[in-house]
Amino acid sequence: MNKEIFEDNWKQIRSQTTIWWSRMSEYDLKKVDKSAYKLEKFVTMLQVKYGYTRKQAKHEITSRVAEFEATQTKTSGETENK
């Protein structure tokens, strides 16, 4: 996931973060909110909290966001069909 996509989806990612990564706290998210480089700060926090490499952290973010978007698309499609 690149920086622009992450920044565009930050509110969505932020709302799901504690569900996806239970070790991430509101305090951690506020640090990311204040950062000029949100993606880099978030990746670093995942590295610290979970022991991921930078590559693993970025892969986790991309995978979880893609999965979330797929379920949102499926849910909105089901709602429209009713």
N, C-alpha and C. Protein backbone atom coordinates (compact mmCIF):
# COMPACT_ATOMS: atom_id res chain seq x y z
N MET A 1 0.85 -1.17 0.00
CA MET A 1 0.00 0.00 0.00
C MET A 1 0.90 1.24 0.00
N ASN A 2 0.56 2.15 -0.88
CA ASN A 2 1.39 3.36 -0.93
C ASN A 2 0.85 4.43 0.01
N LYS A 3 1.66 5.44 0.20
CA LYS A 3 1.37 6.50 1.16
C LYS A 3 0.04 7.20 0.86
N GLU A 4 -0.22 7.51 -0.39
CA GLU A 4 -1.43 8.24 -0.76
C GLU A 4 -2.68 7.42 -0.46
N ILE A 5 -2.66 6.15 -0.79
CA ILE A 5 -3.81 5.29 -0.52
C ILE A 5 -4.04 5.16 0.98
N PHE A 6 -2.96 4.99 1.73
CA PHE A 6 -3.07 4.88 3.18
C PHE A 6 -3.68 6.15 3.76
N GLU A 7 -3.17 7.29 3.35
CA GLU A 7 -3.68 8.57 3.87
C GLU A 7 -5.14 8.77 3.50
N ASP A 8 -5.52 8.40 2.27
CA ASP A 8 -6.91 8.53 1.83
C ASP A 8 -7.85 7.64 2.64
N ASN A 9 -7.34 6.50 3.09
CA ASN A 9 -8.15 5.53 3.83
C ASN A 9 -7.88 5.54 5.33
N TRP A 10 -7.15 6.54 5.82
CA TRP A 10 -6.74 6.55 7.22
C TRP A 10 -7.91 6.42 8.19
N LYS A 11 -8.98 7.16 7.97
CA LYS A 11 -10.11 7.09 8.91
C LYS A 11 -10.70 5.69 8.97
N GLN A 12 -10.82 5.06 7.84
CA GLN A 12 -11.32 3.68 7.77
C GLN A 12 -10.35 2.73 8.47
N ILE A 13 -9.07 2.86 8.19
CA ILE A 13 -8.05 2.01 8.81
C ILE A 13 -8.03 2.24 10.31
N ARG A 14 -8.08 3.49 10.71
CA ARG A 14 -8.04 3.84 12.13
C ARG A 14 -9.21 3.21 12.87
N SER A 15 -10.40 3.24 12.27
CA SER A 15 -11.59 2.70 12.93
C SER A 15 -11.52 1.18 13.13
N GLN A 16 -10.73 0.51 12.32
CA GLN A 16 -10.62 -0.95 12.41
C GLN A 16 -9.36 -1.44 13.13
N THR A 17 -8.43 -0.54 13.38
CA THR A 17 -7.11 -0.93 13.89
C THR A 17 -7.17 -1.75 15.17
N THR A 18 -7.92 -1.32 16.16
CA THR A 18 -7.92 -2.07 17.43
C THR A 18 -8.62 -3.41 17.29
N ILE A 19 -9.45 -3.57 16.27
CA ILE A 19 -10.07 -4.87 15.99
C ILE A 19 -9.04 -5.78 15.34
N TRP A 20 -8.29 -5.24 14.39
CA TRP A 20 -7.30 -6.02 13.66
C TRP A 20 -6.06 -6.30 14.49
N TRP A 21 -5.63 -5.32 15.26
CA TRP A 21 -4.41 -5.44 16.05
C TRP A 21 -4.71 -5.00 17.48
N SER A 22 -4.99 -5.94 18.34
CA SER A 22 -5.46 -5.63 19.71
C SER A 22 -4.40 -4.93 20.56
N ARG A 23 -3.15 -5.04 20.20
CA ARG A 23 -2.10 -4.37 20.98
C ARG A 23 -1.98 -2.88 20.67
N MET A 24 -2.66 -2.43 19.65
CA MET A 24 -2.63 -1.01 19.30
C MET A 24 -3.68 -0.30 20.14
N SER A 25 -3.29 0.77 20.79
CA SER A 25 -4.19 1.50 21.68
C SER A 25 -4.62 2.83 21.05
N GLU A 26 -5.57 3.46 21.68
CA GLU A 26 -6.01 4.80 21.24
C GLU A 26 -4.83 5.78 21.31
N TYR A 27 -4.01 5.63 22.32
CA TYR A 27 -2.82 6.47 22.47
C TYR A 27 -1.90 6.32 21.24
N ASP A 28 -1.71 5.07 20.80
CA ASP A 28 -0.88 4.81 19.61
C ASP A 28 -1.48 5.48 18.38
N LEU A 29 -2.80 5.37 18.25
CA LEU A 29 -3.47 5.94 17.08
C LEU A 29 -3.39 7.46 17.08
N LYS A 30 -3.42 8.07 18.23
CA LYS A 30 -3.27 9.52 18.31
C LYS A 30 -1.89 9.94 17.85
N LYS A 31 -0.88 9.13 18.15
CA LYS A 31 0.48 9.42 17.66
C LYS A 31 0.51 9.40 16.13
N VAL A 32 -0.17 8.42 15.55
CA VAL A 32 -0.23 8.33 14.09
C VAL A 32 -1.00 9.54 13.53
N ASP A 33 -2.11 9.88 14.18
CA ASP A 33 -2.90 11.05 13.75
C ASP A 33 -2.04 12.29 13.62
N LYS A 34 -1.14 12.49 14.56
CA LYS A 34 -0.31 13.70 14.61
C LYS A 34 0.89 13.65 13.66
N SER A 35 1.21 12.48 13.17
CA SER A 35 2.39 12.33 12.33
C SER A 35 2.15 12.85 10.90
N ALA A 36 3.16 13.48 10.37
CA ALA A 36 3.11 13.94 8.97
C ALA A 36 3.28 12.75 8.02
N TYR A 37 3.84 11.67 8.52
CA TYR A 37 4.11 10.47 7.72
C TYR A 37 3.35 9.30 8.35
N LYS A 38 2.02 9.31 8.20
CA LYS A 38 1.16 8.34 8.89
C LYS A 38 1.50 6.89 8.59
N LEU A 39 1.70 6.57 7.32
CA LEU A 39 1.99 5.18 6.96
C LEU A 39 3.27 4.72 7.63
N GLU A 40 4.31 5.52 7.56
CA GLU A 40 5.59 5.13 8.16
C GLU A 40 5.47 4.98 9.67
N LYS A 41 4.75 5.88 10.30
CA LYS A 41 4.55 5.81 11.76
C LYS A 41 3.77 4.55 12.12
N PHE A 42 2.72 4.26 11.36
CA PHE A 42 1.88 3.09 11.61
C PHE A 42 2.68 1.80 11.43
N VAL A 43 3.46 1.74 10.37
CA VAL A 43 4.30 0.57 10.10
C VAL A 43 5.28 0.36 11.25
N THR A 44 5.91 1.44 11.69
CA THR A 44 6.86 1.35 12.81
C THR A 44 6.17 0.84 14.07
N MET A 45 4.96 1.31 14.33
CA MET A 45 4.23 0.85 15.52
C MET A 45 3.90 -0.64 15.43
N LEU A 46 3.52 -1.10 14.26
CA LEU A 46 3.27 -2.53 14.10
C LEU A 46 4.55 -3.35 14.31
N GLN A 47 5.66 -2.81 13.84
CA GLN A 47 6.94 -3.48 14.06
C GLN A 47 7.24 -3.61 15.55
N VAL A 48 7.04 -2.54 16.28
CA VAL A 48 7.34 -2.53 17.71
C VAL A 48 6.38 -3.45 18.47
N LYS A 49 5.10 -3.34 18.18
CA LYS A 49 4.08 -4.08 18.93
C LYS A 49 4.05 -5.57 18.59
N TYR A 50 4.34 -5.92 17.32
CA TYR A 50 4.18 -7.30 16.87
C TYR A 50 5.46 -7.96 16.38
N GLY A 51 6.55 -7.22 16.30
CA GLY A 51 7.79 -7.81 15.85
C GLY A 51 7.85 -8.07 14.35
N TYR A 52 6.98 -7.40 13.60
CA TYR A 52 6.98 -7.54 12.14
C TYR A 52 8.21 -6.86 11.55
N THR A 53 8.62 -7.34 10.37
CA THR A 53 9.56 -6.59 9.55
C THR A 53 8.74 -5.47 8.87
N ARG A 54 9.41 -4.51 8.27
CA ARG A 54 8.68 -3.45 7.56
C ARG A 54 7.83 -4.07 6.45
N LYS A 55 8.40 -5.03 5.74
CA LYS A 55 7.69 -5.68 4.65
C LYS A 55 6.45 -6.42 5.18
N GLN A 56 6.59 -7.14 6.28
CA GLN A 56 5.46 -7.85 6.87
C GLN A 56 4.36 -6.88 7.31
N ALA A 57 4.76 -5.80 7.94
CA ALA A 57 3.79 -4.81 8.42
C ALA A 57 3.01 -4.21 7.25
N LYS A 58 3.69 -3.84 6.20
CA LYS A 58 3.01 -3.27 5.04
C LYS A 58 2.08 -4.29 4.39
N HIS A 59 2.53 -5.55 4.34
CA HIS A 59 1.69 -6.61 3.79
C HIS A 59 0.44 -6.81 4.64
N GLU A 60 0.59 -6.80 5.95
CA GLU A 60 -0.56 -6.95 6.86
C GLU A 60 -1.57 -5.82 6.64
N ILE A 61 -1.09 -4.61 6.54
CA ILE A 61 -1.98 -3.47 6.33
C ILE A 61 -2.74 -3.64 5.02
N THR A 62 -2.03 -3.92 3.95
CA THR A 62 -2.64 -4.09 2.64
C THR A 62 -3.68 -5.21 2.65
N SER A 63 -3.34 -6.34 3.25
CA SER A 63 -4.25 -7.49 3.30
C SER A 63 -5.52 -7.18 4.08
N ARG A 64 -5.36 -6.57 5.24
CA ARG A 64 -6.53 -6.28 6.08
C ARG A 64 -7.45 -5.23 5.46
N VAL A 65 -6.86 -4.23 4.84
CA VAL A 65 -7.68 -3.20 4.19
C VAL A 65 -8.42 -3.80 3.00
N ALA A 66 -7.75 -4.62 2.21
CA ALA A 66 -8.39 -5.25 1.05
C ALA A 66 -9.53 -6.16 1.50
N GLU A 67 -9.31 -6.93 2.55
CA GLU A 67 -10.34 -7.82 3.09
C GLU A 67 -11.54 -7.00 3.60
N PHE A 68 -11.26 -5.93 4.31
CA PHE A 68 -12.31 -5.07 4.84
C PHE A 68 -13.13 -4.46 3.69
N GLU A 69 -12.45 -3.94 2.68
CA GLU A 69 -13.14 -3.33 1.54
C GLU A 69 -14.00 -4.35 0.81
N ALA A 70 -13.51 -5.58 0.71
CA ALA A 70 -14.28 -6.63 0.04
C ALA A 70 -15.56 -6.94 0.82
N THR A 71 -15.47 -6.99 2.14
CA THR A 71 -16.67 -7.27 2.94
C THR A 71 -17.63 -6.09 2.88
N GLN A 72 -17.11 -4.86 2.81
CA GLN A 72 -17.97 -3.68 2.70
C GLN A 72 -18.71 -3.66 1.37
N THR A 73 -18.00 -4.02 0.31
CA THR A 73 -18.60 -4.06 -1.01
C THR A 73 -19.68 -5.14 -1.06
N LYS A 74 -19.37 -6.30 -0.49
CA LYS A 74 -20.33 -7.41 -0.45
C LYS A 74 -21.56 -7.01 0.36
N THR A 75 -21.35 -6.39 1.52
CA THR A 75 -22.45 -5.98 2.39
C THR A 75 -23.33 -4.93 1.69
N SER A 76 -22.73 -3.95 1.06
CA SER A 76 -23.52 -2.92 0.39
C SER A 76 -24.25 -3.50 -0.82
N GLY A 77 -23.67 -4.49 -1.48
CA GLY A 77 -24.33 -5.16 -2.60
C GLY A 77 -25.54 -5.95 -2.14
N GLU A 78 -25.43 -6.59 -0.99
CA GLU A 78 -26.56 -7.34 -0.43
C GLU A 78 -27.68 -6.40 -0.04
N THR A 79 -27.34 -5.25 0.51
CA THR A 79 -28.34 -4.27 0.93
C THR A 79 -29.08 -3.72 -0.28
N GLU A 80 -28.35 -3.47 -1.36
CA GLU A 80 -28.97 -2.93 -2.56
C GLU A 80 -29.92 -3.94 -3.21
N ASN A 81 -29.62 -5.23 -3.07
CA ASN A 81 -30.44 -6.27 -3.69
C ASN A 81 -31.73 -6.54 -2.94
N LYS A 82 -31.86 -6.03 -1.74
CA LYS A 82 -33.08 -6.30 -0.95
C LYS A 82 -34.21 -5.39 -1.35
